[in-house]
Amino acid sequence: MIGEDRINLNNRFIEVFKLLEQRGDIVKNDRGGKGMGDFADKILGNRGYGHIISAFLNDEDKRVLDYKHARKLCKEYGINEAYMFEGIGTPFGMDLPNITQHMTNVAMDNILFTTVEAFAGSGQAVSDGSVENLRYFSMPGVQGSGMVAFPIQGDSMEPVIKDGDMVICKEVGLLGDIRDNKIYAVKSNGALWIKYVQRIIDDRGIVRRLKLISANHLEYDPFVEEVNEHTRLYQVIRKVSEI
C-alpha cells in the first residue's frame, strides 16, 4: 500500500507540473523539446513513458511519483527540493531561509547597500547616477565579494519575494555560469529586474538573450531581454523580510 508521504509527494508533483505548464516549460503536444515525451525522457529516462506521467497526474490512478524521479524533476527544472519533499516554501522559492533579524555594521562589512530600488513589477529604468549615500554592511553566513543589496518595490515576484523585502545578490562573472530557473537581478539597458531567468543560446552555445519570468505569472507575462556587453547579472542568494 502506498504511504501518505508518497501521496503527498505526488500531489506536489501535480501542482508543480501545472505551474511548469503555465510557465511554458511544458507544452503537451509540442514537438520542439517541451512535449510530454520530452518531459518523460528528462524525468523517467524514456520518451515513451508519457503515459506514466499522465498516470501520476490522474487522481484516480494508483501510480505515484517516487523520490528518485522527484529529485530528477528538481534538478531538471530548478524546483525547490524543500517544497517537493517536505512541502516547505514555494515550488520555485529560494532554498535559503528568510532572515528577519536586525543588521548591524561590523568590521568586515562586505555587502553594498544601495538606495537604488529594483522595481520587480515595472522594470522601471534606473540611472547609474542615482546611486547616493552608499554604505556597506555584513550578515552572518553571507561572505565573499561582489555582494549588493537593495529593496524591492512591486509584486511581480510574489509570493517568493514581496514588496518591501530586501534582496542580497552576488555578481555573476560569466553569462555561461547562469543556472536556468534561478532568481537573478538583471541589469540591462539602464533597467533593473528581479526575475527567474532562462538562457536562450545560439547554435554556438553562446547566451544571446535571457527569458525573464515573474513568480506572479498570472499578472505578469514573461519577456525576453537581449544580452550585450553592458548586461550584468547578480544571483539572489538571500532575502530579508520585515517581521
Protein backbone atom coordinates (compact mmCIF):
# COMPACT_ATOMS: atom_id res chain seq x y z
CA MET A 1 0.00 0.00 0.00
CA ILE A 2 1.29 3.45 -0.92
CA GLY A 3 2.14 5.58 2.11
CA GLU A 4 0.75 9.03 2.81
CA ASP A 5 4.18 10.59 2.26
CA ARG A 6 4.25 9.33 -1.35
CA ILE A 7 0.70 10.52 -1.94
CA ASN A 8 1.64 13.98 -0.65
CA LEU A 9 4.75 13.94 -2.83
CA ASN A 10 2.65 13.12 -5.89
CA ASN A 11 0.14 15.87 -5.05
CA ARG A 12 3.01 18.38 -5.00
CA PHE A 13 4.22 16.93 -8.31
CA ILE A 14 0.80 17.61 -9.83
CA GLU A 15 0.95 21.21 -8.61
CA VAL A 16 4.49 21.68 -9.97
CA PHE A 17 3.50 20.16 -13.33
CA LYS A 18 0.64 22.67 -13.66
CA LEU A 19 2.99 25.56 -12.85
CA LEU A 20 5.52 24.35 -15.42
CA GLU A 21 2.71 24.27 -17.98
CA GLN A 22 1.66 27.82 -17.08
CA ARG A 23 5.26 28.98 -17.43
CA GLY A 24 5.55 27.35 -20.86
CA ASP A 25 8.22 24.83 -19.80
CA ILE A 26 5.83 22.00 -20.70
CA VAL A 27 3.57 22.07 -23.77
CA LYS A 28 1.86 18.68 -24.00
CA ASN A 29 1.59 18.48 -27.81
CA ASP A 30 4.84 20.31 -28.55
CA ARG A 31 7.40 18.71 -30.85
CA GLY A 32 10.17 21.19 -30.19
CA GLY A 33 11.53 19.83 -26.92
CA LYS A 34 8.80 20.71 -24.45
CA GLY A 35 6.25 17.95 -25.08
CA MET A 36 5.09 15.20 -22.76
CA GLY A 37 7.57 12.76 -24.29
CA ASP A 38 10.44 15.18 -23.71
CA PHE A 39 9.32 15.66 -20.10
CA ALA A 40 9.08 11.89 -19.57
CA ASP A 41 12.56 11.44 -21.03
CA LYS A 42 14.04 14.00 -18.62
CA ILE A 43 12.27 12.64 -15.53
CA LEU A 44 11.84 8.90 -16.22
CA GLY A 45 14.57 8.38 -18.82
CA ASN A 46 12.28 7.24 -21.64
CA ARG A 47 10.30 9.28 -24.17
CA GLY A 48 7.72 6.52 -24.36
CA TYR A 49 6.72 6.92 -20.71
CA GLY A 50 4.42 9.87 -21.26
CA HIS A 51 1.50 7.64 -20.27
CA ILE A 52 3.15 7.06 -16.88
CA ILE A 53 3.41 10.81 -16.33
CA SER A 54 -0.27 11.05 -17.21
CA ALA A 55 -0.99 8.35 -14.62
CA PHE A 56 0.83 10.38 -11.95
CA LEU A 57 -1.37 13.36 -12.87
CA ASN A 58 -4.59 11.35 -12.60
CA ASP A 59 -6.07 11.44 -9.09
CA GLU A 60 -7.92 8.18 -9.75
CA ASP A 61 -4.77 6.27 -10.77
CA LYS A 62 -2.86 4.45 -8.02
CA ARG A 63 0.55 5.08 -9.56
CA VAL A 64 2.53 7.91 -7.94
CA LEU A 65 5.91 9.57 -8.41
CA ASP A 66 8.82 8.17 -6.39
CA TYR A 67 11.59 10.11 -4.64
CA LYS A 68 14.27 9.20 -7.18
CA HIS A 69 12.37 10.79 -10.03
CA ALA A 70 11.25 13.70 -7.85
CA ARG A 71 14.93 14.55 -7.37
CA LYS A 72 15.41 14.38 -11.13
CA LEU A 73 12.49 16.78 -11.56
CA CYS A 74 14.05 19.26 -9.12
CA LYS A 75 17.39 19.11 -10.93
CA GLU A 76 15.98 19.47 -14.44
CA TYR A 77 13.53 22.28 -13.74
CA GLY A 78 15.03 24.12 -10.77
CA ILE A 79 12.32 23.07 -8.31
CA ASN A 80 12.85 23.85 -4.65
CA GLU A 81 13.64 20.48 -3.03
CA ALA A 82 12.36 21.64 0.35
CA TYR A 83 8.96 22.20 -1.22
CA MET A 84 9.00 19.00 -3.26
CA PHE A 85 9.93 16.66 -0.43
CA GLU A 86 8.61 18.43 2.67
CA GLY A 87 6.07 20.97 1.40
CA ILE A 88 8.20 23.82 2.78
CA GLY A 89 8.26 27.15 0.94
CA THR A 90 7.16 27.53 -2.68
CA PRO A 91 7.91 25.40 -5.78
CA PHE A 92 10.34 27.90 -7.25
CA GLY A 93 11.35 29.54 -3.98
CA MET A 94 14.86 30.05 -2.78
CA ASP A 95 16.35 27.23 -0.72
CA LEU A 96 17.87 29.65 1.77
CA PRO A 97 15.71 30.66 4.75
CA ASN A 98 14.32 34.13 5.27
CA ILE A 99 16.34 36.37 7.55
CA THR A 100 14.39 38.82 9.71
CA GLN A 101 16.96 39.95 12.24
CA HIS A 102 18.22 43.49 12.67
CA MET A 103 21.51 44.05 10.87
CA THR A 104 24.43 45.90 12.43
CA ASN A 105 27.71 47.06 10.92
CA VAL A 106 30.86 45.13 11.77
CA ALA A 107 34.49 45.50 10.78
CA MET A 108 34.26 43.10 7.83
CA ASP A 109 31.32 44.72 6.02
CA ASN A 110 31.15 43.16 2.55
CA ILE A 111 27.63 43.86 1.23
CA LEU A 112 26.97 47.08 -0.64
CA PHE A 113 23.55 48.56 0.15
CA THR A 114 22.29 50.97 -2.48
CA THR A 115 19.31 53.30 -2.42
CA VAL A 116 18.52 52.28 -5.99
CA GLU A 117 15.33 50.20 -5.83
CA ALA A 118 14.73 47.26 -8.11
CA PHE A 119 11.19 47.65 -9.37
CA ALA A 120 10.42 43.96 -9.76
CA GLY A 121 6.97 44.66 -11.20
CA SER A 122 7.51 47.51 -13.61
CA GLY A 123 11.11 47.19 -14.76
CA GLN A 124 11.40 50.93 -14.24
CA ALA A 125 14.58 52.42 -15.62
CA VAL A 126 17.40 53.05 -13.17
CA SER A 127 20.06 55.65 -13.76
CA ASP A 128 23.60 54.88 -12.61
CA GLY A 129 23.84 58.47 -11.43
CA SER A 130 21.01 57.98 -8.96
CA VAL A 131 23.06 55.87 -6.53
CA GLU A 132 23.74 58.00 -3.45
CA ASN A 133 24.81 57.53 0.15
CA LEU A 134 26.19 54.06 -0.42
CA ARG A 135 27.08 52.06 2.65
CA TYR A 136 28.26 48.57 3.48
CA PHE A 137 27.03 46.03 5.99
CA SER A 138 27.52 42.36 6.80
CA MET A 139 25.26 39.43 7.59
CA PRO A 140 26.05 36.07 9.19
CA GLY A 141 26.54 33.38 6.57
CA VAL A 142 26.96 35.82 3.67
CA GLN A 143 30.62 36.05 2.75
CA GLY A 144 32.75 36.97 -0.22
CA SER A 145 32.99 39.90 -2.59
CA GLY A 146 30.69 41.20 -5.30
CA MET A 147 27.68 41.44 -2.94
CA VAL A 148 24.97 44.05 -3.40
CA ALA A 149 21.65 44.60 -1.59
CA PHE A 150 18.62 46.71 -2.42
CA PRO A 151 14.92 46.93 -1.52
CA ILE A 152 12.11 45.62 -3.73
CA GLN A 153 9.09 47.55 -4.90
CA GLY A 154 6.39 45.75 -6.85
CA ASP A 155 4.52 42.47 -6.73
CA SER A 156 5.73 40.60 -9.81
CA MET A 157 7.79 38.14 -7.75
CA GLU A 158 5.17 37.44 -5.10
CA PRO A 159 4.82 35.22 -3.18
CA VAL A 160 8.52 34.33 -3.40
CA ILE A 161 9.78 37.91 -2.93
CA LYS A 162 7.34 40.50 -1.68
CA ASP A 163 7.04 44.26 -1.93
CA GLY A 164 9.24 45.72 0.81
CA ASP A 165 11.67 42.80 1.03
CA MET A 166 15.37 43.38 0.62
CA VAL A 167 17.41 41.05 -1.58
CA ILE A 168 21.11 40.28 -1.30
CA CYS A 169 22.78 39.31 -4.55
CA LYS A 170 26.17 38.08 -5.69
CA GLU A 171 27.55 39.20 -9.02
CA VAL A 172 27.83 36.55 -11.72
CA GLY A 173 31.13 36.77 -13.56
CA LEU A 174 30.16 34.95 -16.77
CA LEU A 175 26.82 34.53 -18.50
CA GLY A 176 27.73 30.90 -19.01
CA ASP A 177 27.58 30.44 -15.23
CA ILE A 178 23.85 31.26 -15.12
CA ARG A 179 21.62 28.41 -13.99
CA ASP A 180 18.20 28.27 -15.60
CA ASN A 181 15.15 28.94 -13.41
CA LYS A 182 17.11 30.60 -10.61
CA ILE A 183 16.35 34.13 -9.42
CA TYR A 184 18.66 36.92 -10.58
CA ALA A 185 18.82 40.68 -10.59
CA VAL A 186 19.31 41.58 -14.24
CA LYS A 187 20.77 44.97 -15.06
CA SER A 188 20.45 45.80 -18.75
CA ASN A 189 19.98 48.91 -20.86
CA GLY A 190 19.50 51.17 -17.83
CA ALA A 191 16.86 48.93 -16.18
CA LEU A 192 16.95 46.50 -13.28
CA TRP A 193 14.65 43.49 -12.84
CA ILE A 194 14.32 40.67 -10.32
CA LYS A 195 13.16 37.58 -12.22
CA TYR A 196 13.53 33.89 -12.79
CA VAL A 197 15.99 33.62 -15.67
CA GLN A 198 16.29 31.17 -18.54
CA ARG A 199 19.13 31.32 -21.05
CA ILE A 200 18.46 31.49 -24.79
CA ILE A 201 21.53 30.07 -26.51
CA ASP A 202 22.55 30.27 -30.17
CA ASP A 203 23.87 27.38 -32.26
CA ARG A 204 27.40 28.04 -30.97
CA GLY A 205 26.39 27.70 -27.36
CA ILE A 206 26.60 31.42 -26.61
CA VAL A 207 23.98 33.12 -24.44
CA ARG A 208 22.38 35.76 -26.66
CA ARG A 209 19.12 36.51 -24.86
CA LEU A 210 17.50 35.95 -21.50
CA LYS A 211 13.91 34.96 -20.81
CA LEU A 212 12.74 36.78 -17.68
CA ILE A 213 9.85 35.18 -15.80
CA SER A 214 7.81 36.55 -12.90
CA ALA A 215 6.70 34.41 -9.95
CA ASN A 216 3.36 36.25 -10.15
CA HIS A 217 2.78 34.73 -13.59
CA LEU A 218 -0.97 35.36 -13.59
CA GLU A 219 -0.45 39.12 -13.77
CA TYR A 220 2.94 39.43 -15.46
CA ASP A 221 3.91 37.77 -18.74
CA PRO A 222 7.45 36.54 -19.44
CA PHE A 223 9.58 38.66 -21.72
CA VAL A 224 12.94 38.40 -23.47
CA GLU A 225 15.88 40.74 -22.94
CA GLU A 226 18.79 40.97 -25.36
CA VAL A 227 22.26 40.42 -23.89
CA ASN A 228 25.03 42.89 -24.64
CA GLU A 229 28.40 43.91 -23.21
CA HIS A 230 26.68 46.06 -20.58
CA THR A 231 24.39 43.31 -19.23
CA ARG A 232 25.14 42.41 -15.61
CA LEU A 233 23.58 39.63 -13.53
CA TYR A 234 23.52 39.14 -9.78
CA GLN A 235 22.15 35.89 -8.32
CA VAL A 236 19.74 36.43 -5.44
CA ILE A 237 21.17 34.43 -2.54
CA ARG A 238 19.17 35.80 0.38
CA LYS A 239 16.07 37.84 1.06
CA VAL A 240 15.34 39.85 4.17
CA SER A 241 11.71 40.36 5.19
CA GLU A 242 10.14 42.53 7.83
CA ILE A 243 9.00 40.78 10.98
